[in-house]
Amino acid sequence: AYVESGTPLGAQVTTELLLTLFHPNTPLHDGAVIIDAKYQLTAAGVLLPLTEDPNLSWRYGTRHRAAIGVTEITDSRCIVVSEETGSISFVQKGNLE
């Protein structure tokens, strides 16, 4: 269902494509990308549900809260790149590493 909230792509994942999608001020910059089990980029600009964990630190913004939220209710895994610091986090089952 989350795929439908974004723009369908059906493309092979490449470095160039991901850099283009996440370049600031481009139409699909905001939102997540969904990569399926066959490593196909199925959609971009996807809206994900935010975690409702009241104990989550204030230092995590919308991007991290969405990654945590979707992994709390699905079997997905997320890679999150902080726009502010460039740090990379991995999220699975609501746990941020």
N, C-alpha and C. Protein backbone atom coordinates (compact mmCIF):
# COMPACT_ATOMS: atom_id res chain seq x y z
N ALA A 1 0.82 -1.20 0.00
CA ALA A 1 0.00 0.00 0.00
C ALA A 1 0.86 1.26 0.00
N TYR A 2 2.04 1.20 0.61
CA TYR A 2 2.89 2.39 0.66
C TYR A 2 3.42 2.76 -0.71
N VAL A 3 3.63 1.78 -1.58
CA VAL A 3 4.11 2.04 -2.93
C VAL A 3 3.16 2.99 -3.64
N GLU A 4 1.87 2.81 -3.42
CA GLU A 4 0.86 3.62 -4.10
C GLU A 4 0.89 5.09 -3.71
N SER A 5 1.51 5.43 -2.58
CA SER A 5 1.57 6.83 -2.17
C SER A 5 2.68 7.58 -2.89
N GLY A 6 3.53 6.86 -3.62
CA GLY A 6 4.64 7.49 -4.32
C GLY A 6 4.46 7.47 -5.82
N THR A 7 5.55 7.73 -6.51
CA THR A 7 5.57 7.71 -7.97
C THR A 7 6.17 6.39 -8.43
N PRO A 8 5.43 5.59 -9.20
CA PRO A 8 5.97 4.30 -9.65
C PRO A 8 7.15 4.49 -10.60
N LEU A 9 8.17 3.63 -10.44
CA LEU A 9 9.34 3.75 -11.30
C LEU A 9 9.66 2.45 -12.04
N GLY A 10 9.73 1.32 -11.34
CA GLY A 10 10.07 0.07 -11.99
C GLY A 10 11.43 0.12 -12.65
N ALA A 11 12.44 0.56 -11.92
CA ALA A 11 13.78 0.73 -12.49
C ALA A 11 14.81 -0.06 -11.70
N GLN A 12 15.91 -0.37 -12.37
CA GLN A 12 17.02 -1.02 -11.70
C GLN A 12 17.69 0.00 -10.77
N VAL A 13 18.07 -0.43 -9.59
CA VAL A 13 18.74 0.46 -8.64
C VAL A 13 20.16 0.71 -9.12
N THR A 14 20.49 1.99 -9.27
CA THR A 14 21.86 2.38 -9.60
C THR A 14 22.24 3.56 -8.72
N THR A 15 23.52 3.74 -8.55
CA THR A 15 24.01 4.88 -7.78
C THR A 15 23.52 6.19 -8.39
N GLU A 16 23.62 6.28 -9.70
CA GLU A 16 23.22 7.51 -10.40
C GLU A 16 21.75 7.83 -10.19
N LEU A 17 20.90 6.80 -10.25
CA LEU A 17 19.47 7.02 -10.05
C LEU A 17 19.18 7.50 -8.63
N LEU A 18 19.77 6.86 -7.64
CA LEU A 18 19.55 7.26 -6.25
C LEU A 18 20.06 8.68 -6.00
N LEU A 19 21.23 9.02 -6.54
CA LEU A 19 21.75 10.38 -6.37
C LEU A 19 20.83 11.41 -7.01
N THR A 20 20.27 11.07 -8.16
CA THR A 20 19.34 11.97 -8.85
C THR A 20 18.05 12.15 -8.05
N LEU A 21 17.51 11.04 -7.56
CA LEU A 21 16.25 11.10 -6.82
C LEU A 21 16.38 11.91 -5.54
N PHE A 22 17.51 11.78 -4.86
CA PHE A 22 17.66 12.47 -3.58
C PHE A 22 18.38 13.81 -3.68
N HIS A 23 18.57 14.29 -4.89
CA HIS A 23 19.17 15.62 -5.05
C HIS A 23 18.15 16.67 -4.59
N PRO A 24 18.58 17.60 -3.73
CA PRO A 24 17.64 18.63 -3.24
C PRO A 24 16.96 19.39 -4.38
N ASN A 25 15.74 19.79 -4.10
CA ASN A 25 14.93 20.60 -5.01
C ASN A 25 14.48 19.85 -6.27
N THR A 26 14.50 18.53 -6.23
CA THR A 26 13.93 17.75 -7.33
C THR A 26 12.57 17.23 -6.89
N PRO A 27 11.68 16.94 -7.82
CA PRO A 27 10.31 16.57 -7.45
C PRO A 27 10.19 15.36 -6.52
N LEU A 28 11.09 14.39 -6.61
CA LEU A 28 10.98 13.19 -5.78
C LEU A 28 11.94 13.18 -4.60
N HIS A 29 12.54 14.32 -4.32
CA HIS A 29 13.52 14.43 -3.22
C HIS A 29 12.92 14.04 -1.87
N ASP A 30 11.72 14.50 -1.60
CA ASP A 30 11.07 14.19 -0.33
C ASP A 30 10.40 12.84 -0.41
N GLY A 31 10.47 12.12 0.67
CA GLY A 31 9.85 10.80 0.73
C GLY A 31 10.88 9.70 0.54
N ALA A 32 10.40 8.49 0.71
CA ALA A 32 11.27 7.31 0.64
C ALA A 32 11.27 6.70 -0.74
N VAL A 33 12.24 5.83 -0.99
CA VAL A 33 12.20 4.97 -2.16
C VAL A 33 11.95 3.55 -1.64
N ILE A 34 11.26 2.77 -2.44
CA ILE A 34 11.02 1.37 -2.09
C ILE A 34 11.77 0.50 -3.09
N ILE A 35 12.60 -0.39 -2.53
CA ILE A 35 13.37 -1.33 -3.34
C ILE A 35 12.85 -2.72 -2.97
N ASP A 36 12.45 -3.48 -3.98
CA ASP A 36 11.87 -4.80 -3.70
C ASP A 36 12.95 -5.87 -3.54
N ALA A 37 12.52 -7.09 -3.32
CA ALA A 37 13.44 -8.20 -3.07
C ALA A 37 14.32 -8.52 -4.28
N LYS A 38 13.92 -8.07 -5.45
CA LYS A 38 14.71 -8.30 -6.67
C LYS A 38 15.59 -7.09 -6.99
N TYR A 39 15.72 -6.18 -6.03
CA TYR A 39 16.55 -4.97 -6.18
C TYR A 39 16.06 -4.05 -7.29
N GLN A 40 14.74 -4.01 -7.45
CA GLN A 40 14.13 -3.07 -8.37
C GLN A 40 13.57 -1.90 -7.57
N LEU A 41 13.84 -0.70 -8.03
CA LEU A 41 13.29 0.48 -7.38
C LEU A 41 11.86 0.62 -7.88
N THR A 42 10.91 0.30 -7.02
CA THR A 42 9.52 0.26 -7.46
C THR A 42 8.82 1.61 -7.39
N ALA A 43 9.23 2.45 -6.42
CA ALA A 43 8.57 3.75 -6.29
C ALA A 43 9.47 4.73 -5.55
N ALA A 44 9.25 6.00 -5.78
CA ALA A 44 9.98 7.08 -5.10
C ALA A 44 8.98 8.12 -4.61
N GLY A 45 9.41 8.94 -3.67
CA GLY A 45 8.52 9.95 -3.11
C GLY A 45 7.43 9.32 -2.26
N VAL A 46 7.74 8.20 -1.65
CA VAL A 46 6.76 7.42 -0.89
C VAL A 46 6.60 7.99 0.53
N LEU A 47 5.37 8.08 0.97
CA LEU A 47 5.08 8.54 2.33
C LEU A 47 4.98 7.34 3.26
N LEU A 48 5.70 7.37 4.36
CA LEU A 48 5.71 6.27 5.32
C LEU A 48 5.08 6.74 6.63
N PRO A 49 4.52 5.80 7.39
CA PRO A 49 3.91 6.17 8.68
C PRO A 49 4.99 6.47 9.72
N LEU A 50 4.75 7.47 10.53
CA LEU A 50 5.70 7.84 11.58
C LEU A 50 5.50 6.96 12.82
N THR A 51 6.59 6.70 13.53
CA THR A 51 6.48 5.98 14.79
C THR A 51 5.66 6.81 15.78
N GLU A 52 5.00 6.12 16.65
CA GLU A 52 4.25 6.79 17.72
C GLU A 52 4.93 6.60 19.07
N ASP A 53 6.20 6.19 19.05
CA ASP A 53 6.96 5.95 20.28
C ASP A 53 7.20 7.27 21.01
N PRO A 54 6.58 7.46 22.17
CA PRO A 54 6.74 8.72 22.90
C PRO A 54 8.11 8.86 23.56
N ASN A 55 8.88 7.78 23.61
CA ASN A 55 10.20 7.82 24.25
C ASN A 55 11.35 8.07 23.28
N LEU A 56 11.04 8.21 21.99
CA LEU A 56 12.08 8.45 21.00
C LEU A 56 12.68 9.83 21.19
N SER A 57 13.98 9.91 21.14
CA SER A 57 14.70 11.17 21.35
C SER A 57 14.23 12.26 20.39
N TRP A 58 14.23 13.47 20.86
CA TRP A 58 13.83 14.63 20.06
C TRP A 58 14.81 14.86 18.91
N ARG A 59 16.00 14.29 18.98
CA ARG A 59 17.01 14.55 17.95
C ARG A 59 16.70 13.86 16.62
N TYR A 60 15.74 12.93 16.62
CA TYR A 60 15.37 12.26 15.38
C TYR A 60 14.24 13.01 14.70
N GLY A 61 14.47 13.30 13.43
CA GLY A 61 13.47 14.03 12.66
C GLY A 61 12.51 13.11 11.94
N THR A 62 11.77 13.68 11.02
CA THR A 62 10.73 12.96 10.29
C THR A 62 11.27 11.76 9.52
N ARG A 63 12.42 11.92 8.90
CA ARG A 63 12.99 10.83 8.10
C ARG A 63 13.25 9.60 8.95
N HIS A 64 13.87 9.80 10.12
CA HIS A 64 14.15 8.68 11.02
C HIS A 64 12.87 8.13 11.64
N ARG A 65 11.95 9.00 11.99
CA ARG A 65 10.69 8.56 12.58
C ARG A 65 9.87 7.73 11.58
N ALA A 66 9.94 8.07 10.31
CA ALA A 66 9.24 7.29 9.29
C ALA A 66 9.88 5.93 9.10
N ALA A 67 11.20 5.88 9.10
CA ALA A 67 11.89 4.59 8.96
C ALA A 67 11.57 3.68 10.14
N ILE A 68 11.57 4.23 11.33
CA ILE A 68 11.22 3.44 12.51
C ILE A 68 9.76 3.00 12.42
N GLY A 69 8.88 3.92 12.07
CA GLY A 69 7.45 3.64 12.01
C GLY A 69 7.09 2.52 11.06
N VAL A 70 7.63 2.54 9.85
CA VAL A 70 7.26 1.52 8.87
C VAL A 70 7.83 0.16 9.26
N THR A 71 8.98 0.13 9.93
CA THR A 71 9.54 -1.17 10.33
C THR A 71 8.87 -1.72 11.58
N GLU A 72 8.14 -0.88 12.29
CA GLU A 72 7.38 -1.36 13.45
C GLU A 72 6.15 -2.17 13.00
N ILE A 73 5.62 -1.84 11.82
CA ILE A 73 4.36 -2.47 11.40
C ILE A 73 4.48 -3.34 10.16
N THR A 74 5.69 -3.43 9.59
CA THR A 74 5.92 -4.31 8.43
C THR A 74 7.22 -5.08 8.66
N ASP A 75 7.52 -5.99 7.75
CA ASP A 75 8.78 -6.73 7.85
C ASP A 75 9.89 -6.06 7.04
N SER A 76 9.71 -4.81 6.68
CA SER A 76 10.70 -4.09 5.88
C SER A 76 11.91 -3.69 6.74
N ARG A 77 12.96 -3.33 6.03
CA ARG A 77 14.16 -2.79 6.65
C ARG A 77 14.45 -1.48 5.94
N CYS A 78 15.01 -0.53 6.68
CA CYS A 78 15.27 0.79 6.10
C CYS A 78 16.71 1.22 6.32
N ILE A 79 17.22 1.91 5.34
CA ILE A 79 18.50 2.61 5.46
C ILE A 79 18.15 4.09 5.42
N VAL A 80 18.64 4.81 6.42
CA VAL A 80 18.32 6.23 6.53
C VAL A 80 19.62 7.03 6.48
N VAL A 81 19.65 8.04 5.63
CA VAL A 81 20.80 8.94 5.57
C VAL A 81 20.33 10.29 6.09
N SER A 82 20.99 10.75 7.14
CA SER A 82 20.63 12.03 7.72
C SER A 82 21.00 13.15 6.76
N GLU A 83 20.03 13.98 6.45
CA GLU A 83 20.29 15.11 5.55
C GLU A 83 21.21 16.13 6.22
N GLU A 84 21.11 16.24 7.53
CA GLU A 84 21.91 17.23 8.27
C GLU A 84 23.35 16.79 8.48
N THR A 85 23.56 15.53 8.88
CA THR A 85 24.91 15.08 9.25
C THR A 85 25.54 14.13 8.26
N GLY A 86 24.73 13.51 7.38
CA GLY A 86 25.24 12.53 6.45
C GLY A 86 25.44 11.16 7.07
N SER A 87 25.11 11.01 8.36
CA SER A 87 25.27 9.72 9.01
C SER A 87 24.24 8.72 8.46
N ILE A 88 24.63 7.45 8.45
CA ILE A 88 23.79 6.39 7.90
C ILE A 88 23.33 5.49 9.04
N SER A 89 22.02 5.22 9.08
CA SER A 89 21.44 4.34 10.09
C SER A 89 20.70 3.20 9.41
N PHE A 90 20.62 2.08 10.12
CA PHE A 90 19.86 0.92 9.67
C PHE A 90 18.73 0.71 10.65
N VAL A 91 17.53 0.45 10.12
CA VAL A 91 16.37 0.26 10.99
C VAL A 91 15.68 -1.06 10.64
N GLN A 92 15.41 -1.86 11.67
CA GLN A 92 14.71 -3.13 11.50
C GLN A 92 13.90 -3.37 12.77
N LYS A 93 12.63 -3.76 12.59
CA LYS A 93 11.73 -4.04 13.70
C LYS A 93 11.69 -2.89 14.71
N GLY A 94 11.72 -1.66 14.19
CA GLY A 94 11.63 -0.48 15.04
C GLY A 94 12.90 -0.10 15.77
N ASN A 95 13.98 -0.84 15.51
CA ASN A 95 15.25 -0.56 16.18
C ASN A 95 16.21 0.16 15.25
N LEU A 96 16.70 1.30 15.69
CA LEU A 96 17.61 2.13 14.92
C LEU A 96 19.04 1.84 15.35
N GLU A 97 19.89 1.52 14.37
CA GLU A 97 21.30 1.26 14.65
C GLU A 97 22.16 2.20 13.83
